[in-house]
Amino acid sequence: MRAGRPQILLADDDPTILALVKTTLLNYGMDVRTAANGADAFALIRSDPPDTAILDVNMPGMDGFELLAAIRSRELPVRVILLTARQQENDLVRGFTLGADDYVIKPFSPMELVARVKRLLWR
């Protein structure tokens, strides 16, 4: 983690999720950039890699799995949490196989998400 406040990238096509998670993370001392789709998120990650990225799997265009694969194939130093309504075992296994550091299923507790982000940041 860089000196100062942890840098988080949040990518989700649901504006309610973006607002809720961003506000929660800001309240816990983290700086948050947001993207509403995978392509915009990937551009932000490539230009200035965050400490942690929280990615929705079901985004239009480049979905969270594709974005995670792109991050890992370029060996970008980003910890990734997948945040998704997909709870099938094969989706969970796919996420971890692609290199996800964590997998959180919607609906979720914002406080649990903060705890998971902090756990990754201090690893």
Protein backbone atom coordinates (compact mmCIF):
# COMPACT_ATOMS: atom_id res chain seq x y z
CA MET A 1 0.00 0.00 0.00
CA ARG A 2 1.20 3.49 -0.81
CA ALA A 3 1.83 6.03 1.90
CA GLY A 4 -1.31 7.84 2.94
CA ARG A 5 -4.86 6.77 2.24
CA PRO A 6 -5.51 3.45 0.51
CA GLN A 7 -6.53 3.82 -3.14
CA ILE A 8 -9.60 1.83 -4.17
CA LEU A 9 -11.19 1.43 -7.59
CA LEU A 10 -14.86 0.48 -7.57
CA ALA A 11 -16.46 -0.72 -10.81
CA ASP A 12 -20.19 -1.43 -10.92
CA ASP A 13 -22.93 -0.51 -13.38
CA ASP A 14 -25.45 0.03 -10.55
CA PRO A 15 -25.33 3.69 -9.40
CA THR A 16 -26.84 2.76 -6.02
CA ILE A 17 -24.06 0.26 -5.31
CA LEU A 18 -21.44 2.77 -6.46
CA ALA A 19 -22.79 5.47 -4.12
CA LEU A 20 -23.23 3.15 -1.11
CA VAL A 21 -19.83 1.47 -1.34
CA LYS A 22 -17.98 4.68 -2.21
CA THR A 23 -19.47 6.53 0.78
CA THR A 24 -18.72 3.64 3.13
CA LEU A 25 -15.09 3.34 1.99
CA LEU A 26 -14.58 7.13 2.15
CA ASN A 27 -15.89 7.09 5.73
CA TYR A 28 -13.21 4.53 6.57
CA GLY A 29 -10.34 6.64 5.24
CA MET A 30 -9.98 5.29 1.75
CA ASP A 31 -9.82 7.22 -1.52
CA VAL A 32 -12.23 5.84 -4.09
CA ARG A 33 -12.41 6.18 -7.87
CA THR A 34 -15.42 4.74 -9.64
CA ALA A 35 -16.24 3.35 -13.06
CA ALA A 36 -19.61 2.24 -14.44
CA ASN A 37 -18.18 -0.37 -16.82
CA GLY A 38 -15.22 -2.67 -17.26
CA ALA A 39 -13.51 -0.75 -20.06
CA ASP A 40 -13.42 2.51 -18.07
CA ALA A 41 -12.25 0.62 -14.99
CA PHE A 42 -9.43 -1.01 -16.94
CA ALA A 43 -8.28 2.36 -18.28
CA LEU A 44 -8.17 3.75 -14.72
CA ILE A 45 -6.32 0.68 -13.41
CA ARG A 46 -3.71 0.84 -16.19
CA SER A 47 -3.09 4.57 -15.78
CA ASP A 48 -2.81 4.51 -11.97
CA PRO A 49 -3.16 1.07 -10.35
CA PRO A 50 -5.14 1.19 -7.10
CA ASP A 51 -4.24 -0.84 -4.04
CA THR A 52 -7.50 -2.78 -4.38
CA ALA A 53 -10.17 -3.02 -7.06
CA ILE A 54 -13.75 -4.05 -6.29
CA LEU A 55 -15.32 -5.34 -9.49
CA ASP A 56 -18.90 -6.22 -10.30
CA VAL A 57 -19.00 -9.35 -12.43
CA ASN A 58 -22.15 -8.45 -14.38
CA MET A 59 -21.08 -5.24 -16.11
CA PRO A 60 -21.93 -4.49 -19.74
CA GLY A 61 -19.17 -4.83 -22.31
CA MET A 62 -16.09 -6.05 -20.46
CA ASP A 63 -17.46 -7.95 -17.46
CA GLY A 64 -15.69 -8.41 -14.14
CA PHE A 65 -14.23 -11.80 -15.10
CA GLU A 66 -12.77 -10.37 -18.32
CA LEU A 67 -11.44 -7.35 -16.45
CA LEU A 68 -9.83 -9.56 -13.81
CA ALA A 69 -8.22 -11.69 -16.53
CA ALA A 70 -6.86 -8.55 -18.21
CA ILE A 71 -5.43 -7.26 -14.91
CA ARG A 72 -3.72 -10.57 -14.17
CA SER A 73 -2.41 -11.09 -17.73
CA ARG A 74 -0.64 -7.72 -17.52
CA GLU A 75 0.64 -8.55 -14.02
CA LEU A 76 -0.73 -5.30 -12.57
CA PRO A 77 -0.12 -5.16 -8.80
CA VAL A 78 -3.79 -4.87 -7.80
CA ARG A 79 -5.69 -6.92 -5.27
CA VAL A 80 -9.16 -7.75 -6.60
CA ILE A 81 -12.47 -8.40 -4.88
CA LEU A 82 -15.28 -9.62 -7.11
CA LEU A 83 -18.66 -8.26 -5.99
CA THR A 84 -21.53 -10.08 -7.63
CA ALA A 85 -24.99 -11.57 -7.45
CA ARG A 86 -23.59 -14.72 -9.04
CA GLN A 87 -23.40 -17.38 -6.38
CA GLN A 88 -23.10 -20.56 -8.42
CA GLU A 89 -20.10 -22.68 -7.48
CA ASN A 90 -18.71 -22.54 -11.03
CA ASP A 91 -18.74 -18.70 -10.92
CA LEU A 92 -16.92 -18.67 -7.59
CA VAL A 93 -14.35 -21.18 -8.86
CA ARG A 94 -13.92 -19.21 -12.09
CA GLY A 95 -13.26 -16.02 -10.10
CA PHE A 96 -10.59 -17.61 -7.95
CA THR A 97 -9.07 -19.45 -10.92
CA LEU A 98 -8.69 -16.12 -12.72
CA GLY A 99 -6.88 -14.71 -9.68
CA ALA A 100 -9.48 -12.99 -7.50
CA ASP A 101 -8.30 -12.31 -3.96
CA ASP A 102 -11.85 -12.44 -2.60
CA TYR A 103 -15.44 -12.98 -3.76
CA VAL A 104 -18.40 -11.19 -2.15
CA ILE A 105 -21.98 -12.11 -3.02
CA LYS A 106 -24.77 -9.52 -3.30
CA PRO A 107 -26.68 -8.64 -1.24
CA PHE A 108 -23.76 -7.84 1.03
CA SER A 109 -22.99 -5.93 4.20
CA PRO A 110 -21.01 -2.73 3.51
CA MET A 111 -19.20 -3.23 6.82
CA GLU A 112 -18.18 -6.77 5.84
CA LEU A 113 -16.86 -5.41 2.54
CA VAL A 114 -14.80 -2.79 4.41
CA ALA A 115 -13.38 -5.54 6.64
CA ARG A 116 -12.45 -7.61 3.58
CA VAL A 117 -10.79 -4.62 1.89
CA LYS A 118 -8.80 -3.84 5.03
CA ARG A 119 -7.70 -7.48 5.29
CA LEU A 120 -6.33 -7.33 1.74
CA LEU A 121 -4.65 -3.97 2.28
CA TRP A 122 -2.74 -5.11 5.34
CA ARG A 123 -1.62 -8.45 3.83
